[in-house]
N, C-alpha and C. Protein backbone atom coordinates (compact mmCIF):
# COMPACT_ATOMS: atom_id res chain seq x y z
N MET A 1 14.44 15.97 -68.49
CA MET A 1 15.73 16.26 -69.07
C MET A 1 16.19 17.68 -68.75
N ILE A 2 15.31 18.49 -68.20
CA ILE A 2 15.73 19.83 -67.81
C ILE A 2 16.72 19.70 -66.66
N ARG A 3 17.76 20.48 -66.68
CA ARG A 3 18.85 20.50 -65.71
C ARG A 3 19.83 19.33 -65.90
N ASP A 4 19.56 18.42 -66.85
CA ASP A 4 20.52 17.37 -67.18
C ASP A 4 21.69 17.98 -67.94
N ARG A 5 22.79 17.28 -67.97
CA ARG A 5 23.96 17.73 -68.72
C ARG A 5 24.03 16.93 -70.02
N MET A 6 24.39 17.61 -71.10
CA MET A 6 24.43 16.99 -72.43
C MET A 6 25.75 17.27 -73.12
N PHE A 7 26.19 16.31 -73.93
CA PHE A 7 27.28 16.53 -74.87
C PHE A 7 26.65 17.00 -76.17
N LEU A 8 27.36 17.84 -76.89
CA LEU A 8 26.87 18.40 -78.14
C LEU A 8 27.68 17.82 -79.29
N LYS A 9 26.99 17.25 -80.29
CA LYS A 9 27.66 16.65 -81.44
C LYS A 9 28.21 17.75 -82.34
N VAL A 10 29.44 17.56 -82.81
CA VAL A 10 30.10 18.53 -83.68
C VAL A 10 30.36 17.86 -85.01
N SER A 11 29.95 18.50 -86.11
CA SER A 11 30.20 17.92 -87.43
C SER A 11 31.69 17.94 -87.74
N SER A 12 32.13 17.08 -88.62
CA SER A 12 33.56 16.89 -88.86
C SER A 12 34.26 18.14 -89.39
N TRP A 13 33.66 18.90 -90.29
CA TRP A 13 34.35 20.09 -90.82
C TRP A 13 34.34 21.23 -89.82
N LYS A 14 33.33 21.31 -88.99
CA LYS A 14 33.30 22.37 -87.98
C LYS A 14 34.31 22.11 -86.87
N LYS A 15 34.64 20.84 -86.64
CA LYS A 15 35.67 20.53 -85.64
C LYS A 15 36.98 21.19 -86.01
N VAL A 16 37.32 21.10 -87.26
CA VAL A 16 38.58 21.66 -87.74
C VAL A 16 38.53 23.18 -87.71
N LEU A 17 37.45 23.77 -88.21
CA LEU A 17 37.35 25.23 -88.29
C LEU A 17 37.26 25.90 -86.93
N ARG A 18 36.44 25.37 -86.05
CA ARG A 18 36.18 26.05 -84.79
C ARG A 18 37.03 25.55 -83.63
N PHE A 19 37.38 24.28 -83.62
CA PHE A 19 38.03 23.71 -82.45
C PHE A 19 39.45 23.23 -82.72
N GLY A 20 39.92 23.33 -83.95
CA GLY A 20 41.28 22.96 -84.28
C GLY A 20 41.57 21.47 -84.20
N CYS A 21 40.55 20.64 -84.21
CA CYS A 21 40.72 19.19 -84.11
C CYS A 21 40.52 18.56 -85.48
N LYS A 22 41.38 17.61 -85.83
CA LYS A 22 41.15 16.86 -87.06
C LYS A 22 41.75 15.48 -86.91
N GLY A 23 41.32 14.59 -87.77
CA GLY A 23 41.81 13.22 -87.72
C GLY A 23 40.76 12.27 -87.17
N LYS A 24 41.07 10.99 -87.27
CA LYS A 24 40.13 9.94 -86.86
C LYS A 24 39.82 9.98 -85.37
N LEU A 25 40.79 10.35 -84.56
CA LEU A 25 40.61 10.27 -83.12
C LEU A 25 40.10 11.57 -82.50
N SER A 26 39.78 12.56 -83.29
CA SER A 26 39.24 13.80 -82.73
C SER A 26 37.84 13.52 -82.17
N SER A 27 37.46 14.25 -81.16
CA SER A 27 36.20 14.00 -80.49
C SER A 27 35.02 14.36 -81.39
N GLN A 28 33.94 13.60 -81.25
CA GLN A 28 32.72 13.88 -82.00
C GLN A 28 31.76 14.74 -81.20
N PHE A 29 31.98 14.80 -79.88
CA PHE A 29 31.10 15.55 -79.00
C PHE A 29 31.92 16.51 -78.15
N ILE A 30 31.33 17.65 -77.83
CA ILE A 30 31.97 18.61 -76.92
C ILE A 30 31.01 18.84 -75.75
N GLY A 31 31.51 19.37 -74.68
CA GLY A 31 30.63 19.70 -73.55
C GLY A 31 31.12 19.03 -72.30
N SER A 32 30.37 19.05 -71.33
CA SER A 32 28.93 18.92 -71.18
C SER A 32 28.28 20.27 -70.85
N TYR A 33 27.06 20.43 -71.34
CA TYR A 33 26.30 21.66 -71.16
C TYR A 33 24.96 21.35 -70.52
N GLU A 34 24.49 22.27 -69.69
CA GLU A 34 23.24 22.07 -68.98
C GLU A 34 22.04 22.34 -69.90
N THR A 35 21.02 21.48 -69.80
CA THR A 35 19.78 21.68 -70.52
C THR A 35 18.95 22.71 -69.75
N VAL A 36 18.59 23.80 -70.41
CA VAL A 36 17.88 24.89 -69.76
C VAL A 36 16.38 24.78 -69.95
N GLU A 37 15.95 24.39 -71.16
CA GLU A 37 14.53 24.44 -71.49
C GLU A 37 14.20 23.46 -72.60
N ARG A 38 13.02 22.87 -72.50
CA ARG A 38 12.51 22.04 -73.59
C ARG A 38 11.67 22.94 -74.48
N ILE A 39 12.08 23.07 -75.73
CA ILE A 39 11.41 23.96 -76.68
C ILE A 39 10.23 23.26 -77.35
N GLY A 40 10.43 22.05 -77.78
CA GLY A 40 9.40 21.26 -78.46
C GLY A 40 9.59 19.80 -78.09
N PRO A 41 8.89 18.90 -78.77
CA PRO A 41 9.01 17.48 -78.42
C PRO A 41 10.41 16.90 -78.65
N VAL A 42 11.19 17.50 -79.56
CA VAL A 42 12.52 16.96 -79.86
C VAL A 42 13.61 18.05 -79.88
N THR A 43 13.35 19.20 -79.30
CA THR A 43 14.34 20.28 -79.29
C THR A 43 14.54 20.83 -77.88
N TYR A 44 15.82 21.15 -77.58
CA TYR A 44 16.19 21.64 -76.26
C TYR A 44 17.11 22.84 -76.39
N ARG A 45 17.02 23.73 -75.41
CA ARG A 45 17.92 24.88 -75.31
C ARG A 45 19.00 24.53 -74.28
N LEU A 46 20.26 24.77 -74.65
CA LEU A 46 21.38 24.49 -73.77
C LEU A 46 22.02 25.78 -73.28
N ALA A 47 22.60 25.72 -72.11
CA ALA A 47 23.38 26.84 -71.58
C ALA A 47 24.81 26.64 -72.07
N LEU A 48 25.18 27.29 -73.16
CA LEU A 48 26.51 27.12 -73.76
C LEU A 48 27.53 28.01 -73.06
N SER A 49 28.78 27.64 -73.19
CA SER A 49 29.86 28.43 -72.60
C SER A 49 30.07 29.71 -73.41
N SER A 50 30.82 30.64 -72.86
CA SER A 50 31.04 31.93 -73.52
C SER A 50 31.79 31.79 -74.84
N GLU A 51 32.61 30.75 -74.98
CA GLU A 51 33.34 30.56 -76.25
C GLU A 51 32.42 30.15 -77.39
N LEU A 52 31.22 29.70 -77.07
CA LEU A 52 30.25 29.29 -78.09
C LEU A 52 29.08 30.27 -78.18
N GLU A 53 29.28 31.50 -77.76
CA GLU A 53 28.19 32.47 -77.71
C GLU A 53 27.61 32.82 -79.08
N LYS A 54 28.36 32.60 -80.16
CA LYS A 54 27.87 32.92 -81.50
C LYS A 54 27.03 31.79 -82.11
N ILE A 55 26.96 30.65 -81.43
CA ILE A 55 26.20 29.50 -81.92
C ILE A 55 24.79 29.55 -81.34
N HIS A 56 23.79 29.28 -82.18
CA HIS A 56 22.40 29.23 -81.71
C HIS A 56 22.29 28.13 -80.67
N ASN A 57 21.61 28.37 -79.57
CA ASN A 57 21.63 27.43 -78.44
C ASN A 57 20.44 26.47 -78.38
N VAL A 58 19.72 26.27 -79.47
CA VAL A 58 18.60 25.31 -79.52
C VAL A 58 19.02 24.17 -80.45
N PHE A 59 18.88 22.92 -79.96
CA PHE A 59 19.37 21.76 -80.70
C PHE A 59 18.35 20.65 -80.73
N HIS A 60 18.34 19.90 -81.84
CA HIS A 60 17.53 18.70 -81.99
C HIS A 60 18.18 17.58 -81.17
N VAL A 61 17.38 16.65 -80.69
CA VAL A 61 17.90 15.57 -79.85
C VAL A 61 18.95 14.72 -80.57
N SER A 62 18.93 14.69 -81.90
CA SER A 62 19.93 13.92 -82.64
C SER A 62 21.33 14.51 -82.48
N MET A 63 21.42 15.78 -82.06
CA MET A 63 22.71 16.45 -81.87
C MET A 63 23.19 16.36 -80.43
N LEU A 64 22.42 15.69 -79.57
CA LEU A 64 22.74 15.64 -78.14
C LEU A 64 22.98 14.22 -77.67
N ARG A 65 23.81 14.11 -76.66
CA ARG A 65 24.02 12.83 -75.98
C ARG A 65 24.08 13.12 -74.49
N ARG A 66 23.30 12.38 -73.72
CA ARG A 66 23.24 12.62 -72.28
C ARG A 66 24.57 12.30 -71.60
N TYR A 67 24.99 13.19 -70.72
CA TYR A 67 26.19 12.98 -69.91
C TYR A 67 25.79 12.25 -68.65
N ARG A 68 26.44 11.16 -68.38
CA ARG A 68 26.18 10.39 -67.16
C ARG A 68 27.42 10.48 -66.28
N SER A 69 27.25 11.07 -65.14
CA SER A 69 28.37 11.24 -64.21
C SER A 69 28.82 9.89 -63.68
N ASP A 70 30.11 9.62 -63.78
CA ASP A 70 30.67 8.36 -63.32
C ASP A 70 32.07 8.63 -62.81
N LEU A 71 32.29 8.42 -61.52
CA LEU A 71 33.59 8.72 -60.93
C LEU A 71 34.71 7.82 -61.46
N SER A 72 34.36 6.69 -62.07
CA SER A 72 35.40 5.82 -62.64
C SER A 72 36.03 6.46 -63.87
N HIS A 73 35.40 7.49 -64.44
CA HIS A 73 35.96 8.18 -65.61
C HIS A 73 37.03 9.20 -65.22
N VAL A 74 37.12 9.53 -63.94
CA VAL A 74 38.05 10.55 -63.48
C VAL A 74 39.40 9.90 -63.21
N ILE A 75 40.45 10.47 -63.79
CA ILE A 75 41.80 9.97 -63.57
C ILE A 75 42.45 10.84 -62.52
N SER A 76 42.96 10.20 -61.48
CA SER A 76 43.57 10.98 -60.41
C SER A 76 44.90 11.56 -60.87
N SER A 77 45.29 12.67 -60.28
CA SER A 77 46.56 13.31 -60.64
C SER A 77 47.74 12.44 -60.24
N TYR A 78 47.58 11.59 -59.21
CA TYR A 78 48.66 10.69 -58.79
C TYR A 78 49.01 9.72 -59.91
N VAL A 79 48.01 9.18 -60.58
CA VAL A 79 48.24 8.23 -61.66
C VAL A 79 48.95 8.92 -62.82
N ILE A 80 48.56 10.12 -63.15
CA ILE A 80 49.16 10.85 -64.26
C ILE A 80 50.62 11.18 -63.99
N GLU A 81 50.94 11.58 -62.76
CA GLU A 81 52.30 11.96 -62.40
C GLU A 81 53.25 10.76 -62.39
N HIS A 82 52.74 9.57 -62.14
CA HIS A 82 53.61 8.40 -61.96
C HIS A 82 53.55 7.43 -63.13
N VAL A 83 53.10 7.88 -64.27
CA VAL A 83 53.05 7.00 -65.44
C VAL A 83 54.33 7.11 -66.22
């Protein structure tokens, strides 16, 4: 799992306070962030972005979801311009 990319789970009240998102359709995960180090059997250190520098960068696996790269998830700019 080292060097894999992960999404980070955000609790509902922190979404509003830190990320300005609220409501049913707000995202539950942010990221993706690279896994830097395995700390223990169920904890990992992530390379967080500079906007999250005040957050401790070690997380339990229950707070992470693996990012799987899939080109079908990418929307081309042509489609967006012509909708």
